[in-house]
Structure formats: structure tokens, C-alpha cells
């Protein structure tokens, strides 16, 4: 070896210090092993009844699953939790995007937990119709409430259901009640047809609004106003206080124009600020007064019975629909008729009759 080859360059790389392993092989093996061990339905039921949030989350995941293999296990969990359910008050909260639903729910939830309540928030996040994905960022928005031991936040993707509120949300309520939560809050995607579904599973329906967003009455459908048990004008702080008070007056006038409710309750409008927490206590007082009234006149039990019957019919409709679209003969025949309809070879109504006749004969 000559002298030139033996001489090191000033740019040569020095041997570095070996880095320790970033993970323990034993820990990795343990994690992998535990992931394969899925708890049984009996174990999950026991965990839910013991107020274990991990077991509750796993149970809800099974309910939300579209896998046929999870259906039997999910039904077993629901049946096991049902005797321990129906011991909470259910509150639906809706409002247009940007009204501050998440901020309001956090302030409202913290107020309830300060009173010794156990609060479960079922936040429905809209799914994209293009990518079918959801952000599921409600836990990030409610950073104070998510750390509260007496609160549980479950964001769920709306999927293809009406506003994300359907049978799965109804069954999730059962699990939350069995887990010891006495106040269930359902946050909807926004003002629209989904509110009909929300109204059919809650005891109290709260509509959030903001002032300064155009004509206060023009932008609200009559149906939403009729369903609301109370209207709260949020963001009533700073320079917006006067506008919020004016909106409250207009809404109170409008509410008197609607027919009386079966419950005997007279809805009212009020203001609050989720940021300063001003008016949050009054919102809960309004809701408490409502429950005092409907429990005294027995409307509370009557409404729950009507809701149970409604969801029985909805479950039947959903099951019939799923069976139709998953029937082997229907899958092939449906594609054939879709092409025929697209090519104007047959009318949509005639094609539908052919498919339904074939299905019911089978």
C-alpha cells in the first residue's frame, strides 16, 4: 500500500457511537400478543358495567363496525347492557356550522361535571362524500373536557347515514348509560334533516344560533324551530352582546307563534357566551325546569315509549334494506336494471317493481 492510499482525507467519516435500540423486543412481543387477544362480549360487558372507558370504547367500535363478524358480538353486548340503561337524560344539540357547538358543549359539560354529573358526549363528525373520510377533531376542540374524569367524548363519523344519527348512535347511548353516564349529549352535524333523527332519540332538543348572520328568522326552517325545546344565542360577548339580545327578542316573539307542545312546555330563547361561560348556568336551569315539568306530567315516559317504537320500525326498515342490497340474486339483477334504466330501455319505476317482485318471490 503506497503512502497516498494510506493517508486519510480530511473529509473522511469517523466511526460514530452505536445508537441503542429505540424499542424493547420484549415489549414489542407483548404488545403484539395482546393485540391478538380480543376481549369476549362477556368481558366487555363486565368492563362497561365497571365504568371502564376502554371497554366502553371497544364496545362502541363493535357497534359501529360494518363487519358481519362483529354483528353478533355487538348485539350480545347491547343485550347485556340494556337492563342497566335508560337512567340518564339525553340532550340533543344542533346549530349551523360555525355557531360554536364544540366550544359550547365543552363549557356546558364542564358546568355539569362541576355539579357532580357524569357526561358522555357523542359528537357526530361529517364524512366527506368524495373521500368518505372524517376529521374527528372534537376531542381536540374540547381539550378541557376530554381530561375530565367524569366526562367521555366519542367522536364518530357520520358515514352514509342521515346526519350520522341512526341505529348505531341509538345503541351507543345504551352502552354509555350502562357505563354510568347520567347525562348524554348528542352533537349533530348541523341544521338539516338529521335533526328529525336526533329529536327521535333525545329528551331535550337545544338549537344554537348566533346573531349577525343575516335575517334571524329567514335562515331557519319552521320544522327545526318547532322541534326545539330551547334556543340559545351563542357568542353573546364583546361587541356582539346587543345584537345577541336583539336576536333573543326576535326568537322569543317567533316561538309564541307555534302551536303548543304535547309536553306542555313553552320554549324560550336566551343568550350565552361559551368563551366567558356567561349564561351557561342559566341554560342548565332551563333544561332542569323542563325535566321537572315532563316528569311531573308523565310526558317523559310517554315520549321514551314512542321513541322505542319508532326505533323498532327504523331497525326493521334498515334490515330489509340491507337484506335486499346484499341478496346474491339482487346484486346481479340490480346492475342489469341500472344499465337498462340508464339506456332508457325501461322506466325507473318499472325496474323497481321488477326487482321488488323478484326479491319477495325469492
Foldseek 3Di string as FASTA:
>chain_A
DDPVVVDDDPPDDDDDDDDDDPDDPVVVVVVVVVVVDDDALVVLLVCLLVLNVVSLVVLLVLLPDPDPVSVVSNVSNLVSLQVQAPQAAEEEEAAAPPLCPLLLCLLLLVVQVVVVAQEEEEEEFEADPVPRDGPQCSCVSNVPQCPDPSYHYHYDYLGPDDQSQAPSVLSSNSSNSSSPGRYYYYYTHHDDPCVVSVLLRGDAYEYEAEFPPPDLPVPDDPVNLVSHQEYEHEPCDDPRVVRRVVSQVVSQVVQVPDDQDPLNGRYGYYYAYSVVSRCSVVVVVSVVVSVVSSVVVVVSVVSVVVSVVVNVVRVVVVVVVVCLCPPPVNVVLVVVLVVCCVVVVDPPVVSVVVSVVVVVVD
